[in-house]
Amino acid sequence: MLYLLMEDRTQISVELNEDDTHSTAIREIQDQCLLIDELNLRQAHVQMTAGTTIKVRAKHQAVHLIFESEIVDISSNGYLIKLPEKIYYPQRRSYFRVPLTSVASFSFRAGHSYSDLPLTGRIEDISYGGVSLAMTDPIYFKKGDILNPASLVLNEGEVAECSLTICSVKNSPTTGMTRLGCEFQELDKTARRLINQFIIYCERERAKSGLS
């Protein structure tokens, strides 16, 4: 989420106290710090001294984020603040899911113990923790089933190989579609990198179309 805030130049709010809030943006993400833009108001700028604790609030794609940090140093480009240990964003899911219907159509293939043929369908949404899949295969699925191996065809045909655990099953008698909510299991570095890059790409495409 911090990378998404930086890439989209999303406005963030810095609270020096309950009645003193100012707007800025994340310029750079380093190993241990974030670099944020200098505050416009002189009175606020002089309060941004090393060791000062600040509260940061932001909103991205309807997701609200809140975290506390400490100012490490002042530079000519802005303020270096500590990378937050925890970020609070009140959602039911651990990760915000990016809907893909407005971006493009992305497919998947997966193996299942109840089928001799690979399952196929489209990816409905994706997050750093899992995916939602839609298919018309007439197979009985239940919570806890494993889809392995699974291949997600992402942007420009790149394929992320993974294993998925089914967390929810929804059948639509009207459309004949089955929708599976799945969680990633033990992603390797390559798959995780491809999925992370894909999510950032999808967020950009949604931002271009003016969706939130």
N, C-alpha and C. Protein backbone atom coordinates (compact mmCIF):
# COMPACT_ATOMS: atom_id res chain seq x y z
N MET A 1 0.82 -1.21 0.00
CA MET A 1 0.00 0.00 0.00
C MET A 1 0.86 1.26 0.00
N LEU A 2 1.99 1.22 0.68
CA LEU A 2 2.87 2.39 0.68
C LEU A 2 3.39 2.67 -0.73
N TYR A 3 3.73 1.61 -1.46
CA TYR A 3 4.20 1.78 -2.83
C TYR A 3 3.09 2.36 -3.72
N LEU A 4 1.85 1.92 -3.50
CA LEU A 4 0.74 2.46 -4.28
C LEU A 4 0.54 3.94 -3.99
N LEU A 5 0.67 4.33 -2.73
CA LEU A 5 0.56 5.74 -2.37
C LEU A 5 1.64 6.56 -3.06
N MET A 6 2.86 6.01 -3.10
CA MET A 6 3.97 6.73 -3.72
C MET A 6 3.79 6.82 -5.23
N GLU A 7 3.47 5.69 -5.87
CA GLU A 7 3.36 5.65 -7.33
C GLU A 7 2.27 6.59 -7.84
N ASP A 8 1.16 6.66 -7.11
CA ASP A 8 0.03 7.49 -7.55
C ASP A 8 0.09 8.92 -7.01
N ARG A 9 1.15 9.22 -6.26
CA ARG A 9 1.28 10.54 -5.65
C ARG A 9 0.03 10.90 -4.86
N THR A 10 -0.47 9.92 -4.12
CA THR A 10 -1.68 10.12 -3.32
C THR A 10 -1.40 11.08 -2.16
N GLN A 11 -2.31 12.02 -1.95
CA GLN A 11 -2.16 12.96 -0.85
C GLN A 11 -2.30 12.25 0.49
N ILE A 12 -1.37 12.52 1.40
CA ILE A 12 -1.46 11.98 2.75
C ILE A 12 -1.54 13.14 3.72
N SER A 13 -2.11 12.89 4.90
CA SER A 13 -2.24 13.92 5.93
C SER A 13 -1.29 13.62 7.07
N VAL A 14 -0.56 14.63 7.49
CA VAL A 14 0.36 14.51 8.62
C VAL A 14 -0.24 15.28 9.80
N GLU A 15 -0.47 14.58 10.90
CA GLU A 15 -1.01 15.20 12.11
C GLU A 15 0.11 15.43 13.11
N LEU A 16 0.36 16.69 13.43
CA LEU A 16 1.33 17.01 14.48
C LEU A 16 0.67 16.95 15.85
N ASN A 17 -0.62 17.27 15.89
CA ASN A 17 -1.46 17.07 17.08
C ASN A 17 -2.90 17.01 16.57
N GLU A 18 -3.86 16.89 17.46
CA GLU A 18 -5.26 16.70 17.05
C GLU A 18 -5.80 17.85 16.23
N ASP A 19 -5.29 19.06 16.45
CA ASP A 19 -5.82 20.23 15.76
C ASP A 19 -4.87 20.80 14.71
N ASP A 20 -3.84 20.05 14.37
CA ASP A 20 -2.82 20.56 13.45
C ASP A 20 -2.50 19.51 12.39
N THR A 21 -3.18 19.56 11.24
CA THR A 21 -3.04 18.58 10.17
C THR A 21 -2.61 19.25 8.88
N HIS A 22 -1.69 18.59 8.15
CA HIS A 22 -1.14 19.17 6.93
C HIS A 22 -1.02 18.09 5.85
N SER A 23 -1.09 18.52 4.59
CA SER A 23 -1.06 17.58 3.47
C SER A 23 0.34 17.51 2.86
N THR A 24 0.71 16.28 2.43
CA THR A 24 1.98 16.06 1.76
C THR A 24 1.85 14.79 0.92
N ALA A 25 2.97 14.22 0.50
CA ALA A 25 2.95 12.99 -0.30
C ALA A 25 4.25 12.23 -0.09
N ILE A 26 4.22 10.94 -0.35
CA ILE A 26 5.43 10.11 -0.23
C ILE A 26 6.25 10.26 -1.51
N ARG A 27 7.52 10.66 -1.36
CA ARG A 27 8.41 10.82 -2.51
C ARG A 27 9.22 9.55 -2.80
N GLU A 28 9.63 8.86 -1.73
CA GLU A 28 10.54 7.74 -1.92
C GLU A 28 10.39 6.76 -0.76
N ILE A 29 10.55 5.47 -1.04
CA ILE A 29 10.53 4.43 -0.01
C ILE A 29 11.92 3.81 0.07
N GLN A 30 12.56 3.92 1.21
CA GLN A 30 13.89 3.37 1.42
C GLN A 30 13.81 2.16 2.34
N ASP A 31 14.97 1.57 2.66
CA ASP A 31 14.99 0.34 3.46
C ASP A 31 14.34 0.53 4.83
N GLN A 32 14.66 1.62 5.48
CA GLN A 32 14.17 1.86 6.84
C GLN A 32 13.35 3.13 6.98
N CYS A 33 13.23 3.90 5.88
CA CYS A 33 12.58 5.20 5.98
C CYS A 33 11.68 5.49 4.79
N LEU A 34 10.80 6.46 5.00
CA LEU A 34 10.02 7.07 3.92
C LEU A 34 10.47 8.51 3.79
N LEU A 35 10.56 8.99 2.55
CA LEU A 35 10.84 10.40 2.32
C LEU A 35 9.54 11.06 1.89
N ILE A 36 9.08 12.05 2.66
CA ILE A 36 7.85 12.75 2.32
C ILE A 36 8.15 14.21 1.98
N ASP A 37 7.27 14.81 1.20
CA ASP A 37 7.46 16.20 0.76
C ASP A 37 7.43 17.18 1.93
N GLU A 38 8.10 18.29 1.73
CA GLU A 38 8.12 19.34 2.73
C GLU A 38 6.74 19.99 2.83
N LEU A 39 6.34 20.34 4.05
CA LEU A 39 5.06 21.00 4.27
C LEU A 39 5.14 22.46 3.81
N ASN A 40 4.05 22.93 3.22
CA ASN A 40 4.04 24.29 2.66
C ASN A 40 4.02 25.39 3.73
N LEU A 41 3.32 25.11 4.82
CA LEU A 41 3.16 26.14 5.85
C LEU A 41 4.42 26.23 6.71
N ARG A 42 4.99 27.40 6.77
CA ARG A 42 6.24 27.60 7.52
C ARG A 42 6.10 27.21 8.98
N GLN A 43 4.97 27.56 9.58
CA GLN A 43 4.75 27.26 10.99
C GLN A 43 4.78 25.77 11.25
N ALA A 44 4.25 24.99 10.29
CA ALA A 44 4.28 23.53 10.43
C ALA A 44 5.67 22.98 10.16
N HIS A 45 6.35 23.56 9.17
CA HIS A 45 7.68 23.07 8.79
C HIS A 45 8.66 23.12 9.97
N VAL A 46 8.62 24.20 10.73
CA VAL A 46 9.59 24.35 11.83
C VAL A 46 9.32 23.35 12.95
N GLN A 47 8.11 22.77 12.98
CA GLN A 47 7.80 21.75 13.99
C GLN A 47 8.26 20.36 13.58
N MET A 48 8.63 20.17 12.29
CA MET A 48 9.04 18.86 11.79
C MET A 48 10.51 18.65 12.09
N THR A 49 10.81 18.42 13.34
CA THR A 49 12.19 18.23 13.78
C THR A 49 12.46 16.77 14.09
N ALA A 50 13.72 16.38 14.02
CA ALA A 50 14.10 14.99 14.30
C ALA A 50 13.64 14.57 15.69
N GLY A 51 13.04 13.39 15.76
CA GLY A 51 12.55 12.86 17.03
C GLY A 51 11.07 13.12 17.26
N THR A 52 10.47 13.99 16.45
CA THR A 52 9.04 14.29 16.59
C THR A 52 8.20 13.12 16.09
N THR A 53 7.19 12.76 16.85
CA THR A 53 6.27 11.69 16.44
C THR A 53 5.09 12.30 15.69
N ILE A 54 4.74 11.70 14.57
CA ILE A 54 3.62 12.19 13.76
C ILE A 54 2.66 11.04 13.47
N LYS A 55 1.42 11.40 13.17
CA LYS A 55 0.42 10.42 12.73
C LYS A 55 0.11 10.71 11.27
N VAL A 56 0.11 9.65 10.47
CA VAL A 56 -0.13 9.79 9.03
C VAL A 56 -1.44 9.11 8.67
N ARG A 57 -2.26 9.80 7.90
CA ARG A 57 -3.52 9.24 7.41
C ARG A 57 -3.54 9.36 5.88
N ALA A 58 -4.13 8.35 5.22
CA ALA A 58 -4.25 8.39 3.77
C ALA A 58 -5.44 7.55 3.34
N LYS A 59 -5.87 7.79 2.10
CA LYS A 59 -6.95 7.00 1.52
C LYS A 59 -6.58 6.66 0.09
N HIS A 60 -6.65 5.37 -0.24
CA HIS A 60 -6.34 4.93 -1.59
C HIS A 60 -7.32 3.85 -2.01
N GLN A 61 -8.01 4.07 -3.14
CA GLN A 61 -8.98 3.11 -3.65
C GLN A 61 -9.97 2.69 -2.56
N ALA A 62 -10.50 3.67 -1.82
CA ALA A 62 -11.48 3.46 -0.76
C ALA A 62 -10.91 2.78 0.47
N VAL A 63 -9.59 2.60 0.53
CA VAL A 63 -8.94 2.00 1.69
C VAL A 63 -8.32 3.10 2.53
N HIS A 64 -8.69 3.17 3.79
CA HIS A 64 -8.14 4.15 4.72
C HIS A 64 -6.95 3.55 5.46
N LEU A 65 -5.86 4.30 5.53
CA LEU A 65 -4.67 3.85 6.23
C LEU A 65 -4.28 4.84 7.31
N ILE A 66 -3.83 4.32 8.44
CA ILE A 66 -3.36 5.15 9.55
C ILE A 66 -2.11 4.51 10.13
N PHE A 67 -1.07 5.31 10.35
CA PHE A 67 0.10 4.79 11.05
C PHE A 67 0.84 5.92 11.73
N GLU A 68 1.61 5.58 12.75
CA GLU A 68 2.45 6.55 13.45
C GLU A 68 3.89 6.34 13.03
N SER A 69 4.65 7.44 13.04
CA SER A 69 6.05 7.36 12.67
C SER A 69 6.83 8.44 13.43
N GLU A 70 8.13 8.40 13.26
CA GLU A 70 9.00 9.38 13.91
C GLU A 70 9.90 10.01 12.86
N ILE A 71 10.06 11.32 12.94
CA ILE A 71 10.94 12.03 12.01
C ILE A 71 12.39 11.69 12.34
N VAL A 72 13.12 11.24 11.31
CA VAL A 72 14.52 10.85 11.49
C VAL A 72 15.46 12.00 11.15
N ASP A 73 15.16 12.69 10.04
CA ASP A 73 16.07 13.74 9.59
C ASP A 73 15.31 14.68 8.63
N ILE A 74 15.87 15.85 8.45
CA ILE A 74 15.33 16.83 7.50
C ILE A 74 16.32 16.94 6.34
N SER A 75 15.83 16.88 5.11
CA SER A 75 16.71 17.03 3.95
C SER A 75 16.17 18.13 3.05
N SER A 76 16.92 18.44 2.02
CA SER A 76 16.49 19.48 1.09
C SER A 76 15.28 19.05 0.27
N ASN A 77 15.03 17.72 0.23
CA ASN A 77 13.89 17.18 -0.54
C ASN A 77 12.65 16.94 0.31
N GLY A 78 12.78 17.08 1.63
CA GLY A 78 11.63 16.82 2.49
C GLY A 78 12.06 16.25 3.83
N TYR A 79 11.25 15.32 4.36
CA TYR A 79 11.49 14.75 5.68
C TYR A 79 11.65 13.24 5.57
N LEU A 80 12.67 12.72 6.25
CA LEU A 80 12.82 11.28 6.37
C LEU A 80 12.11 10.83 7.63
N ILE A 81 11.15 9.90 7.48
CA ILE A 81 10.45 9.36 8.65
C ILE A 81 10.63 7.85 8.68
N LYS A 82 10.56 7.28 9.86
CA LYS A 82 10.76 5.84 10.00
C LYS A 82 9.69 5.04 9.26
N LEU A 83 10.11 3.94 8.65
CA LEU A 83 9.15 3.04 8.04
C LEU A 83 8.26 2.48 9.14
N PRO A 84 6.94 2.60 9.02
CA PRO A 84 6.06 2.17 10.12
C PRO A 84 6.13 0.66 10.37
N GLU A 85 6.12 0.28 11.63
CA GLU A 85 6.10 -1.14 11.99
C GLU A 85 4.72 -1.74 11.75
N LYS A 86 3.68 -0.92 11.93
CA LYS A 86 2.31 -1.39 11.73
C LYS A 86 1.52 -0.32 10.97
N ILE A 87 0.65 -0.77 10.08
CA ILE A 87 -0.27 0.12 9.39
C ILE A 87 -1.68 -0.39 9.65
N TYR A 88 -2.53 0.48 10.16
CA TYR A 88 -3.90 0.09 10.46
C TYR A 88 -4.80 0.50 9.30
N TYR A 89 -5.51 -0.47 8.72
CA TYR A 89 -6.54 -0.14 7.74
C TYR A 89 -7.72 -1.07 7.97
N PRO A 90 -8.83 -0.48 8.44
CA PRO A 90 -9.98 -1.26 8.87
C PRO A 90 -10.73 -1.91 7.72
N GLN A 91 -10.48 -3.19 7.48
CA GLN A 91 -11.19 -3.95 6.47
C GLN A 91 -11.44 -5.34 7.02
N ARG A 92 -12.39 -6.01 6.43
CA ARG A 92 -12.66 -7.39 6.83
C ARG A 92 -11.56 -8.31 6.34
N ARG A 93 -11.03 -8.05 5.16
CA ARG A 93 -9.96 -8.87 4.61
C ARG A 93 -8.61 -8.36 5.07
N SER A 94 -7.62 -9.25 5.08
CA SER A 94 -6.26 -8.86 5.44
C SER A 94 -5.65 -7.98 4.36
N TYR A 95 -6.08 -8.19 3.10
CA TYR A 95 -5.53 -7.42 1.98
C TYR A 95 -6.68 -6.87 1.14
N PHE A 96 -6.51 -5.66 0.67
CA PHE A 96 -7.50 -5.04 -0.19
C PHE A 96 -7.46 -5.70 -1.57
N ARG A 97 -8.62 -6.12 -2.09
CA ARG A 97 -8.68 -6.78 -3.38
C ARG A 97 -8.97 -5.79 -4.50
N VAL A 98 -8.22 -5.92 -5.58
CA VAL A 98 -8.37 -5.04 -6.73
C VAL A 98 -9.27 -5.71 -7.76
N PRO A 99 -10.46 -5.17 -8.05
CA PRO A 99 -11.31 -5.75 -9.09
C PRO A 99 -10.70 -5.56 -10.46
N LEU A 100 -10.80 -6.58 -11.33
CA LEU A 100 -10.12 -6.54 -12.62
C LEU A 100 -11.05 -6.31 -13.79
N THR A 101 -12.36 -6.31 -13.56
CA THR A 101 -13.31 -6.22 -14.68
C THR A 101 -13.14 -4.95 -15.48
N SER A 102 -12.68 -3.87 -14.84
CA SER A 102 -12.52 -2.60 -15.55
C SER A 102 -11.14 -2.47 -16.19
N VAL A 103 -10.25 -3.43 -15.93
CA VAL A 103 -8.89 -3.35 -16.45
C VAL A 103 -8.76 -4.15 -17.74
N ALA A 104 -8.98 -5.44 -17.67
CA ALA A 104 -8.90 -6.34 -18.83
C ALA A 104 -9.34 -7.72 -18.36
N SER A 105 -9.31 -8.68 -19.27
CA SER A 105 -9.68 -10.05 -18.93
C SER A 105 -8.41 -10.87 -18.75
N PHE A 106 -8.26 -11.48 -17.58
CA PHE A 106 -7.09 -12.29 -17.27
C PHE A 106 -7.55 -13.70 -16.89
N SER A 107 -6.84 -14.69 -17.38
CA SER A 107 -7.29 -16.08 -17.23
C SER A 107 -6.42 -16.85 -16.24
N PHE A 108 -6.86 -18.06 -15.93
CA PHE A 108 -6.10 -18.96 -15.07
C PHE A 108 -6.32 -20.40 -15.53
N ARG A 109 -5.42 -21.26 -15.11
CA ARG A 109 -5.55 -22.71 -15.27
C ARG A 109 -5.16 -23.32 -13.93
N ALA A 110 -5.86 -24.39 -13.55
CA ALA A 110 -5.55 -25.01 -12.26
C ALA A 110 -5.92 -26.49 -12.28
N GLY A 111 -5.23 -27.24 -11.47
CA GLY A 111 -5.55 -28.66 -11.30
C GLY A 111 -6.39 -28.86 -10.06
N HIS A 112 -7.23 -29.89 -10.09
CA HIS A 112 -8.11 -30.19 -8.96
C HIS A 112 -8.26 -31.70 -8.85
N SER A 113 -8.31 -32.21 -7.64
CA SER A 113 -8.35 -33.66 -7.44
C SER A 113 -9.61 -34.30 -7.99
N TYR A 114 -10.69 -33.51 -8.20
CA TYR A 114 -11.95 -34.07 -8.69
C TYR A 114 -12.07 -33.98 -10.21
N SER A 115 -11.04 -33.51 -10.89
CA SER A 115 -11.12 -33.35 -12.33
C SER A 115 -9.85 -33.85 -13.00
N ASP A 116 -10.00 -34.65 -14.08
CA ASP A 116 -8.84 -35.10 -14.84
C ASP A 116 -8.33 -34.01 -15.78
N LEU A 117 -9.20 -33.05 -16.11
CA LEU A 117 -8.83 -31.96 -17.00
C LEU A 117 -8.57 -30.70 -16.17
N PRO A 118 -7.67 -29.84 -16.65
CA PRO A 118 -7.40 -28.59 -15.91
C PRO A 118 -8.61 -27.67 -15.91
N LEU A 119 -8.82 -26.99 -14.80
CA LEU A 119 -9.88 -26.00 -14.71
C LEU A 119 -9.42 -24.74 -15.42
N THR A 120 -10.34 -24.03 -16.04
CA THR A 120 -10.02 -22.77 -16.71
C THR A 120 -11.10 -21.74 -16.39
N GLY A 121 -10.76 -20.49 -16.49
CA GLY A 121 -11.72 -19.43 -16.25
C GLY A 121 -11.01 -18.09 -16.21
N ARG A 122 -11.61 -17.12 -15.55
CA ARG A 122 -11.03 -15.79 -15.49
C ARG A 122 -10.79 -15.37 -14.04
N ILE A 123 -9.87 -14.44 -13.87
CA ILE A 123 -9.57 -13.87 -12.56
C ILE A 123 -10.50 -12.67 -12.35
N GLU A 124 -11.28 -12.69 -11.29
CA GLU A 124 -12.23 -11.61 -11.01
C GLU A 124 -11.58 -10.47 -10.24
N ASP A 125 -10.82 -10.79 -9.21
CA ASP A 125 -10.07 -9.78 -8.47
C ASP A 125 -8.86 -10.43 -7.85
N ILE A 126 -7.95 -9.61 -7.37
CA ILE A 126 -6.68 -10.12 -6.84
C ILE A 126 -6.19 -9.23 -5.72
N SER A 127 -5.46 -9.81 -4.78
CA SER A 127 -4.84 -9.06 -3.70
C SER A 127 -3.49 -9.70 -3.42
N TYR A 128 -2.76 -9.13 -2.46
CA TYR A 128 -1.47 -9.71 -2.10
C TYR A 128 -1.64 -11.04 -1.36
N GLY A 129 -2.88 -11.34 -0.95
CA GLY A 129 -3.11 -12.58 -0.21
C GLY A 129 -3.87 -13.65 -0.96
N GLY A 130 -4.54 -13.28 -2.07
CA GLY A 130 -5.32 -14.29 -2.78
C GLY A 130 -6.02 -13.75 -4.01
N VAL A 131 -6.88 -14.60 -4.61
CA VAL A 131 -7.60 -14.22 -5.82
C VAL A 131 -9.03 -14.73 -5.75
N SER A 132 -9.89 -14.12 -6.57
CA SER A 132 -11.24 -14.63 -6.78
C SER A 132 -11.31 -15.11 -8.22
N LEU A 133 -11.75 -16.35 -8.41
CA LEU A 133 -11.77 -16.98 -9.72
C LEU A 133 -13.21 -17.27 -10.14
N ALA A 134 -13.49 -17.12 -11.42
CA ALA A 134 -14.82 -17.44 -11.96
C ALA A 134 -14.67 -18.47 -13.07
N MET A 135 -15.55 -19.49 -13.06
CA MET A 135 -15.47 -20.55 -14.07
C MET A 135 -16.84 -21.18 -14.27
N THR A 136 -16.95 -21.95 -15.34
CA THR A 136 -18.20 -22.66 -15.62
C THR A 136 -18.02 -24.18 -15.53
N ASP A 137 -16.87 -24.65 -15.08
CA ASP A 137 -16.64 -26.09 -14.96
C ASP A 137 -17.64 -26.71 -14.00
N PRO A 138 -18.35 -27.77 -14.42
CA PRO A 138 -19.38 -28.39 -13.56
C PRO A 138 -18.76 -29.32 -12.52
N ILE A 139 -18.04 -28.76 -11.57
CA ILE A 139 -17.34 -29.54 -10.56
C ILE A 139 -17.77 -29.08 -9.18
N TYR A 140 -17.89 -30.02 -8.27
CA TYR A 140 -18.25 -29.69 -6.89
C TYR A 140 -17.01 -29.22 -6.14
N PHE A 141 -17.07 -28.02 -5.60
CA PHE A 141 -15.98 -27.48 -4.81
C PHE A 141 -16.45 -27.29 -3.37
N LYS A 142 -15.52 -27.41 -2.46
CA LYS A 142 -15.84 -27.13 -1.06
C LYS A 142 -14.69 -26.36 -0.42
N LYS A 143 -15.01 -25.67 0.66
CA LYS A 143 -14.00 -24.90 1.39
C LYS A 143 -12.89 -25.82 1.87
N GLY A 144 -11.66 -25.41 1.65
CA GLY A 144 -10.51 -26.20 2.06
C GLY A 144 -9.87 -26.99 0.94
N ASP A 145 -10.58 -27.11 -0.22
CA ASP A 145 -9.99 -27.79 -1.37
C ASP A 145 -8.74 -27.04 -1.84
N ILE A 146 -7.81 -27.81 -2.42
CA ILE A 146 -6.57 -27.23 -2.92
C ILE A 146 -6.57 -27.24 -4.45
N LEU A 147 -6.22 -26.12 -5.05
CA LEU A 147 -6.01 -26.03 -6.49
C LEU A 147 -4.51 -26.00 -6.73
N ASN A 148 -3.98 -27.10 -7.24
CA ASN A 148 -2.54 -27.22 -7.41
C ASN A 148 -2.22 -28.23 -8.52
N PRO A 149 -1.41 -27.83 -9.51
CA PRO A 149 -0.81 -26.51 -9.67
C PRO A 149 -1.82 -25.52 -10.22
N ALA A 150 -1.55 -24.23 -9.99
CA ALA A 150 -2.40 -23.17 -10.54
C ALA A 150 -1.51 -22.17 -11.26
N SER A 151 -1.98 -21.70 -12.40
CA SER A 151 -1.24 -20.73 -13.20
C SER A 151 -2.11 -19.51 -13.46
N LEU A 152 -1.65 -18.34 -13.03
CA LEU A 152 -2.37 -17.10 -13.26
C LEU A 152 -1.70 -16.36 -14.41
N VAL A 153 -2.46 -16.11 -15.48
CA VAL A 153 -1.92 -15.40 -16.64
C VAL A 153 -2.15 -13.91 -16.42
N LEU A 154 -1.06 -13.17 -16.22
CA LEU A 154 -1.15 -11.78 -15.82
C LEU A 154 -0.85 -10.84 -16.98
N ASN A 155 -0.39 -9.65 -16.67
CA ASN A 155 -0.15 -8.65 -17.70
C ASN A 155 0.92 -9.09 -18.69
N GLU A 156 0.68 -8.86 -19.97
CA GLU A 156 1.60 -9.19 -21.06
C GLU A 156 1.93 -10.68 -21.09
N GLY A 157 0.99 -11.51 -20.63
CA GLY A 157 1.14 -12.95 -20.72
C GLY A 157 2.06 -13.58 -19.70
N GLU A 158 2.55 -12.78 -18.73
CA GLU A 158 3.40 -13.37 -17.69
C GLU A 158 2.57 -14.32 -16.83
N VAL A 159 3.19 -15.42 -16.42
CA VAL A 159 2.46 -16.46 -15.68
C VAL A 159 3.05 -16.61 -14.28
N ALA A 160 2.19 -16.50 -13.28
CA ALA A 160 2.58 -16.73 -11.89
C ALA A 160 2.10 -18.11 -11.48
N GLU A 161 3.03 -18.99 -11.17
CA GLU A 161 2.70 -20.35 -10.74
C GLU A 161 2.49 -20.35 -9.23
N CYS A 162 1.42 -21.00 -8.79
CA CYS A 162 1.12 -20.98 -7.36
C CYS A 162 0.26 -22.17 -6.96
N SER A 163 -0.04 -22.24 -5.68
CA SER A 163 -0.99 -23.20 -5.13
C SER A 163 -2.04 -22.41 -4.37
N LEU A 164 -3.33 -22.81 -4.50
CA LEU A 164 -4.42 -22.04 -3.91
C LEU A 164 -5.27 -22.91 -3.00
N THR A 165 -5.70 -22.34 -1.89
CA THR A 165 -6.66 -22.99 -1.00
C THR A 165 -8.00 -22.27 -1.15
N ILE A 166 -9.07 -23.03 -1.40
CA ILE A 166 -10.40 -22.43 -1.56
C ILE A 166 -10.96 -22.03 -0.20
N CYS A 167 -11.32 -20.74 -0.07
CA CYS A 167 -11.87 -20.22 1.19
C CYS A 167 -13.37 -20.01 1.12
N SER A 168 -13.92 -19.83 -0.09
CA SER A 168 -15.37 -19.64 -0.24
C SER A 168 -15.80 -20.10 -1.62
N VAL A 169 -17.05 -20.53 -1.71
CA VAL A 169 -17.62 -21.01 -2.97
C VAL A 169 -18.99 -20.38 -3.15
N LYS A 170 -19.21 -19.74 -4.31
CA LYS A 170 -20.51 -19.16 -4.62
C LYS A 170 -20.94 -19.63 -6.00
N ASN A 171 -22.11 -20.25 -6.07
CA ASN A 171 -22.66 -20.72 -7.34
C ASN A 171 -23.81 -19.83 -7.77
N SER A 172 -23.87 -19.51 -9.07
CA SER A 172 -24.95 -18.70 -9.61
C SER A 172 -25.78 -19.55 -10.57
N PRO A 173 -27.00 -19.97 -10.16
CA PRO A 173 -27.87 -20.75 -11.05
C PRO A 173 -28.24 -19.99 -12.32
N THR A 174 -28.28 -18.65 -12.22
CA THR A 174 -28.68 -17.83 -13.36
C THR A 174 -27.64 -17.86 -14.47
N THR A 175 -26.38 -17.65 -14.10
CA THR A 175 -25.31 -17.59 -15.10
C THR A 175 -24.58 -18.91 -15.28
N GLY A 176 -24.76 -19.82 -14.31
CA GLY A 176 -24.01 -21.07 -14.37
C GLY A 176 -22.56 -20.94 -13.96
N MET A 177 -22.20 -19.76 -13.42
CA MET A 177 -20.82 -19.51 -13.02
C MET A 177 -20.59 -19.93 -11.57
N THR A 178 -19.40 -20.42 -11.30
CA THR A 178 -18.95 -20.69 -9.94
C THR A 178 -17.82 -19.73 -9.62
N ARG A 179 -17.93 -19.07 -8.49
CA ARG A 179 -16.90 -18.12 -8.08
C ARG A 179 -16.21 -18.65 -6.84
N LEU A 180 -14.89 -18.74 -6.90
CA LEU A 180 -14.09 -19.27 -5.80
C LEU A 180 -13.22 -18.17 -5.20
N GLY A 181 -13.32 -17.99 -3.91
CA GLY A 181 -12.40 -17.10 -3.20
C GLY A 181 -11.24 -17.94 -2.70
N CYS A 182 -10.02 -17.61 -3.12
CA CYS A 182 -8.87 -18.47 -2.84
C CYS A 182 -7.74 -17.70 -2.16
N GLU A 183 -6.97 -18.43 -1.36
CA GLU A 183 -5.82 -17.87 -0.67
C GLU A 183 -4.54 -18.47 -1.23
N PHE A 184 -3.53 -17.62 -1.43
CA PHE A 184 -2.24 -18.11 -1.90
C PHE A 184 -1.57 -18.96 -0.83
N GLN A 185 -0.87 -20.01 -1.27
CA GLN A 185 -0.11 -20.85 -0.36
C GLN A 185 1.35 -20.88 -0.78
N GLU A 186 2.24 -20.45 0.10
CA GLU A 186 3.68 -20.58 -0.09
C GLU A 186 4.14 -20.08 -1.46
N LEU A 187 3.89 -18.81 -1.74
CA LEU A 187 4.36 -18.23 -3.00
C LEU A 187 5.88 -18.13 -3.00
N ASP A 188 6.50 -18.52 -4.14
CA ASP A 188 7.95 -18.33 -4.23
C ASP A 188 8.23 -16.87 -4.61
N LYS A 189 9.49 -16.49 -4.63
CA LYS A 189 9.87 -15.09 -4.85
C LYS A 189 9.43 -14.60 -6.23
N THR A 190 9.57 -15.46 -7.24
CA THR A 190 9.21 -15.05 -8.59
C THR A 190 7.72 -14.77 -8.71
N ALA A 191 6.89 -15.70 -8.19
CA ALA A 191 5.44 -15.52 -8.25
C ALA A 191 5.01 -14.31 -7.46
N ARG A 192 5.59 -14.12 -6.29
CA ARG A 192 5.22 -12.96 -5.46
C ARG A 192 5.57 -11.65 -6.17
N ARG A 193 6.74 -11.61 -6.81
CA ARG A 193 7.14 -10.40 -7.53
C ARG A 193 6.19 -10.11 -8.68
N LEU A 194 5.83 -11.15 -9.45
CA LEU A 194 4.92 -10.96 -10.58
C LEU A 194 3.55 -10.47 -10.11
N ILE A 195 3.06 -11.06 -9.02
CA ILE A 195 1.74 -10.67 -8.51
C ILE A 195 1.77 -9.24 -7.96
N ASN A 196 2.84 -8.88 -7.24
CA ASN A 196 2.96 -7.52 -6.72
C ASN A 196 2.99 -6.50 -7.86
N GLN A 197 3.78 -6.79 -8.89
CA GLN A 197 3.86 -5.88 -10.04
C GLN A 197 2.52 -5.78 -10.76
N PHE A 198 1.82 -6.91 -10.85
CA PHE A 198 0.53 -6.94 -11.52
C PHE A 198 -0.50 -6.09 -10.77
N ILE A 199 -0.50 -6.18 -9.46
CA ILE A 199 -1.45 -5.39 -8.66
C ILE A 199 -1.19 -3.90 -8.85
N ILE A 200 0.08 -3.51 -8.83
CA ILE A 200 0.42 -2.10 -9.05
C ILE A 200 -0.04 -1.65 -10.43
N TYR A 201 0.17 -2.51 -11.44
CA TYR A 201 -0.28 -2.19 -12.80
C TYR A 201 -1.80 -1.99 -12.84
N CYS A 202 -2.55 -2.90 -12.21
CA CYS A 202 -4.01 -2.81 -12.21
C CYS A 202 -4.50 -1.57 -11.48
N GLU A 203 -3.82 -1.22 -10.38
CA GLU A 203 -4.19 0.00 -9.66
C GLU A 203 -4.00 1.23 -10.54
N ARG A 204 -2.91 1.25 -11.30
CA ARG A 204 -2.66 2.38 -12.20
C ARG A 204 -3.72 2.48 -13.27
N GLU A 205 -4.09 1.33 -13.86
CA GLU A 205 -5.09 1.33 -14.91
C GLU A 205 -6.45 1.80 -14.39
N ARG A 206 -6.79 1.37 -13.18
CA ARG A 206 -8.05 1.81 -12.58
C ARG A 206 -8.02 3.31 -12.29
N ALA A 207 -6.85 3.80 -11.85
CA ALA A 207 -6.72 5.24 -11.57
C ALA A 207 -6.88 6.06 -12.85
N LYS A 208 -6.33 5.55 -13.96
CA LYS A 208 -6.46 6.23 -15.24
C LYS A 208 -7.91 6.37 -15.68
N SER A 209 -8.70 5.33 -15.35
CA SER A 209 -10.11 5.33 -15.77
C SER A 209 -10.99 6.08 -14.78
N GLY A 210 -10.38 6.59 -13.70
CA GLY A 210 -11.12 7.40 -12.73
C GLY A 210 -11.94 6.59 -11.75
N LEU A 211 -11.61 5.29 -11.58
CA LEU A 211 -12.35 4.46 -10.65
C LEU A 211 -11.71 4.51 -9.28
N SER A 212 -12.53 4.29 -8.24
CA SER A 212 -12.02 4.26 -6.87
C SER A 212 -12.44 2.97 -6.20
